[in-house]
Amino acid sequence: QAAKSARTVVIAGVPDGLLHNDIMTDILTIHFQMSKNNGGDVEEVMYPTDKKGVAYVTFEDQKVVESVLKKDEHRLEDKRFSRYYPLKVTRYCENVSSFIIYLVVLPL
């Protein structure tokens, strides 16, 4: 099985403070398991993290990472939200902290 870091993506743009962390983790898990989101079996969702609005999703299969990254737009939707939230999905890398800061401070 591929190393955990190779099976992990970084999710930025998670709405912060709207719902209880456990519920948000469940919503993220469901989103990334759905075939319409190019998802697959989720091994673990790390949320909250030390970065506001950021989660880490680890898949059981590395192929799902490639599939999820190919999707043009990820929209986090749930009946408990008043609107959808666009998510920025990127490959996990060891130097993820500076990369996240770059994404948040200097949006692409």
C-alpha atoms as a PDB file:
ATOM      1  CA  GLN A   1       0.000   0.000   0.000  1.00  0.00           C
ATOM      2  CA  ALA A   2       1.246   3.478  -0.869  1.00  0.00           C
ATOM      3  CA  ALA A   3       2.637   5.659   1.892  1.00  0.00           C
ATOM      4  CA  LYS A   4      -0.037   7.572   3.759  1.00  0.00           C
ATOM      5  CA  SER A   5       1.228  10.943   2.517  1.00  0.00           C
ATOM      6  CA  ALA A   6       0.805   9.766  -1.099  1.00  0.00           C
ATOM      7  CA  ARG A   7      -2.821   8.890  -0.369  1.00  0.00           C
ATOM      8  CA  THR A   8      -3.616  12.234   1.280  1.00  0.00           C
ATOM      9  CA  VAL A   9      -4.982  15.488  -0.115  1.00  0.00           C
ATOM     10  CA  VAL A  10      -5.174  18.907   1.505  1.00  0.00           C
ATOM     11  CA  ILE A  11      -8.558  20.602   1.523  1.00  0.00           C
ATOM     12  CA  ALA A  12      -8.656  24.400   1.905  1.00  0.00           C
ATOM     13  CA  GLY A  13     -11.841  26.447   2.182  1.00  0.00           C
ATOM     14  CA  VAL A  14     -13.663  24.286   4.729  1.00  0.00           C
ATOM     15  CA  PRO A  15     -16.255  26.577   6.347  1.00  0.00           C
ATOM     16  CA  ASP A  16     -15.048  27.216   9.864  1.00  0.00           C
ATOM     17  CA  GLY A  17     -17.300  27.382  12.908  1.00  0.00           C
ATOM     18  CA  LEU A  18     -20.598  26.678  11.102  1.00  0.00           C
ATOM     19  CA  LEU A  19     -21.135  23.172  12.419  1.00  0.00           C
ATOM     20  CA  HIS A  20     -19.676  20.958  15.111  1.00  0.00           C
ATOM     21  CA  ASN A  21     -16.295  19.526  14.064  1.00  0.00           C
ATOM     22  CA  ASP A  22     -17.605  15.935  14.103  1.00  0.00           C
ATOM     23  CA  ILE A  23     -20.424  16.865  11.737  1.00  0.00           C
ATOM     24  CA  MET A  24     -18.055  18.722   9.392  1.00  0.00           C
ATOM     25  CA  THR A  25     -15.767  15.674   9.368  1.00  0.00           C
ATOM     26  CA  ASP A  26     -18.742  13.489   8.371  1.00  0.00           C
ATOM     27  CA  ILE A  27     -19.759  15.922   5.599  1.00  0.00           C
ATOM     28  CA  LEU A  28     -16.204  15.935   4.225  1.00  0.00           C
ATOM     29  CA  THR A  29     -16.039  12.127   4.376  1.00  0.00           C
ATOM     30  CA  ILE A  30     -19.301  11.792   2.455  1.00  0.00           C
ATOM     31  CA  HIS A  31     -18.252  14.401  -0.122  1.00  0.00           C
ATOM     32  CA  PHE A  32     -14.990  12.626  -0.901  1.00  0.00           C
ATOM     33  CA  GLN A  33     -16.596   9.167  -1.025  1.00  0.00           C
ATOM     34  CA  MET A  34     -19.146  10.189  -3.671  1.00  0.00           C
ATOM     35  CA  SER A  35     -18.489   9.082  -7.230  1.00  0.00           C
ATOM     36  CA  LYS A  36     -19.811  12.407  -8.591  1.00  0.00           C
ATOM     37  CA  ASN A  37     -16.853  14.040  -6.835  1.00  0.00           C
ATOM     38  CA  ASN A  38     -14.439  11.458  -8.321  1.00  0.00           C
ATOM     39  CA  GLY A  39     -14.108  10.117  -4.783  1.00  0.00           C
ATOM     40  CA  GLY A  40     -13.548   6.718  -3.252  1.00  0.00           C
ATOM     41  CA  ASP A  41     -13.061   4.963   0.057  1.00  0.00           C
ATOM     42  CA  VAL A  42     -11.865   7.406   2.696  1.00  0.00           C
ATOM     43  CA  GLU A  43      -9.515   6.038   5.337  1.00  0.00           C
ATOM     44  CA  GLU A  44      -9.356   9.148   7.513  1.00  0.00           C
ATOM     45  CA  VAL A  45     -10.363  12.815   7.661  1.00  0.00           C
ATOM     46  CA  MET A  46      -8.285  15.078   9.884  1.00  0.00           C
ATOM     47  CA  TYR A  47     -10.374  18.073  10.911  1.00  0.00           C
ATOM     48  CA  PRO A  48      -9.935  20.463  12.576  1.00  0.00           C
ATOM     49  CA  THR A  49      -6.226  21.024  11.994  1.00  0.00           C
ATOM     50  CA  ASP A  50      -3.825  23.706  13.171  1.00  0.00           C
ATOM     51  CA  LYS A  51      -4.735  25.712  10.049  1.00  0.00           C
ATOM     52  CA  LYS A  52      -8.171  27.358  10.048  1.00  0.00           C
ATOM     53  CA  GLY A  53     -10.447  26.022   7.309  1.00  0.00           C
ATOM     54  CA  VAL A  54      -8.061  23.224   6.335  1.00  0.00           C
ATOM     55  CA  ALA A  55      -8.638  19.467   6.447  1.00  0.00           C
ATOM     56  CA  TYR A  56      -6.603  16.451   5.370  1.00  0.00           C
ATOM     57  CA  VAL A  57      -8.346  13.557   3.644  1.00  0.00           C
ATOM     58  CA  THR A  58      -6.562  10.202   3.328  1.00  0.00           C
ATOM     59  CA  PHE A  59      -7.940   7.677   0.853  1.00  0.00           C
ATOM     60  CA  GLU A  60      -7.496   3.911   0.989  1.00  0.00           C
ATOM     61  CA  ASP A  61      -6.282   3.875  -2.616  1.00  0.00           C
ATOM     62  CA  GLN A  62      -3.764   6.277  -4.126  1.00  0.00           C
ATOM     63  CA  LYS A  63      -5.632   6.173  -7.471  1.00  0.00           C
ATOM     64  CA  VAL A  64      -8.487   8.077  -5.832  1.00  0.00           C
ATOM     65  CA  VAL A  65      -6.111  10.976  -5.082  1.00  0.00           C
ATOM     66  CA  GLU A  66      -5.402  11.383  -8.802  1.00  0.00           C
ATOM     67  CA  SER A  67      -9.113  11.149  -9.588  1.00  0.00           C
ATOM     68  CA  VAL A  68     -10.105  13.742  -6.949  1.00  0.00           C
ATOM     69  CA  LEU A  69      -7.391  16.141  -8.122  1.00  0.00           C
ATOM     70  CA  LYS A  70      -8.685  15.936 -11.711  1.00  0.00           C
ATOM     71  CA  LYS A  71     -12.146  17.237 -10.769  1.00  0.00           C
ATOM     72  CA  ASP A  72     -12.428  20.869 -11.843  1.00  0.00           C
ATOM     73  CA  GLU A  73     -14.449  22.137  -8.929  1.00  0.00           C
ATOM     74  CA  HIS A  74     -15.283  20.689  -5.539  1.00  0.00           C
ATOM     75  CA  ARG A  75     -18.369  22.214  -3.934  1.00  0.00           C
ATOM     76  CA  LEU A  76     -19.078  21.324  -0.332  1.00  0.00           C
ATOM     77  CA  GLU A  77     -22.860  21.178  -0.059  1.00  0.00           C
ATOM     78  CA  ASP A  78     -25.154  20.142   2.768  1.00  0.00           C
ATOM     79  CA  LYS A  79     -28.717  20.979   3.734  1.00  0.00           C
ATOM     80  CA  ARG A  80     -27.356  22.584   6.911  1.00  0.00           C
ATOM     81  CA  PHE A  81     -25.435  25.184   4.862  1.00  0.00           C
ATOM     82  CA  SER A  82     -27.143  28.273   3.449  1.00  0.00           C
ATOM     83  CA  ARG A  83     -24.898  28.018   0.356  1.00  0.00           C
ATOM     84  CA  TYR A  84     -22.191  25.811  -1.123  1.00  0.00           C
ATOM     85  CA  TYR A  85     -18.509  26.281  -0.326  1.00  0.00           C
ATOM     86  CA  PRO A  86     -15.856  25.907  -3.035  1.00  0.00           C
ATOM     87  CA  LEU A  87     -12.961  23.761  -1.853  1.00  0.00           C
ATOM     88  CA  LYS A  88      -9.366  23.932  -3.020  1.00  0.00           C
ATOM     89  CA  VAL A  89      -7.995  20.395  -3.233  1.00  0.00           C
ATOM     90  CA  THR A  90      -4.241  19.932  -3.516  1.00  0.00           C
ATOM     91  CA  ARG A  91      -1.777  17.109  -3.212  1.00  0.00           C
ATOM     92  CA  TYR A  92      -0.281  16.665   0.256  1.00  0.00           C
ATOM     93  CA  CYS A  93       3.403  17.427   0.481  1.00  0.00           C
ATOM     94  CA  GLU A  94       5.780  17.507   3.413  1.00  0.00           C
ATOM     95  CA  ASN A  95       6.142  21.271   3.090  1.00  0.00           C
ATOM     96  CA  VAL A  96       2.411  21.730   3.309  1.00  0.00           C
ATOM     97  CA  SER A  97       2.346  24.575   5.864  1.00  0.00           C
ATOM     98  CA  SER A  98       4.014  27.178   3.684  1.00  0.00           C
ATOM     99  CA  PHE A  99       1.965  26.005   0.717  1.00  0.00           C
ATOM    100  CA  ILE A 100      -1.310  26.482   2.617  1.00  0.00           C
ATOM    101  CA  ILE A 101      -0.245  29.940   3.769  1.00  0.00           C
ATOM    102  CA  TYR A 102       0.515  30.770   0.141  1.00  0.00           C
ATOM    103  CA  LEU A 103      -2.963  29.596  -0.913  1.00  0.00           C
ATOM    104  CA  VAL A 104      -4.759  31.498   1.824  1.00  0.00           C
ATOM    105  CA  VAL A 105      -2.771  34.732   1.615  1.00  0.00           C
ATOM    106  CA  LEU A 106      -2.280  34.809  -2.146  1.00  0.00           C
ATOM    107  CA  PRO A 107      -5.265  33.099  -3.760  1.00  0.00           C
ATOM    108  CA  LEU A 108      -4.550  31.764  -7.232  1.00  0.00           C
END
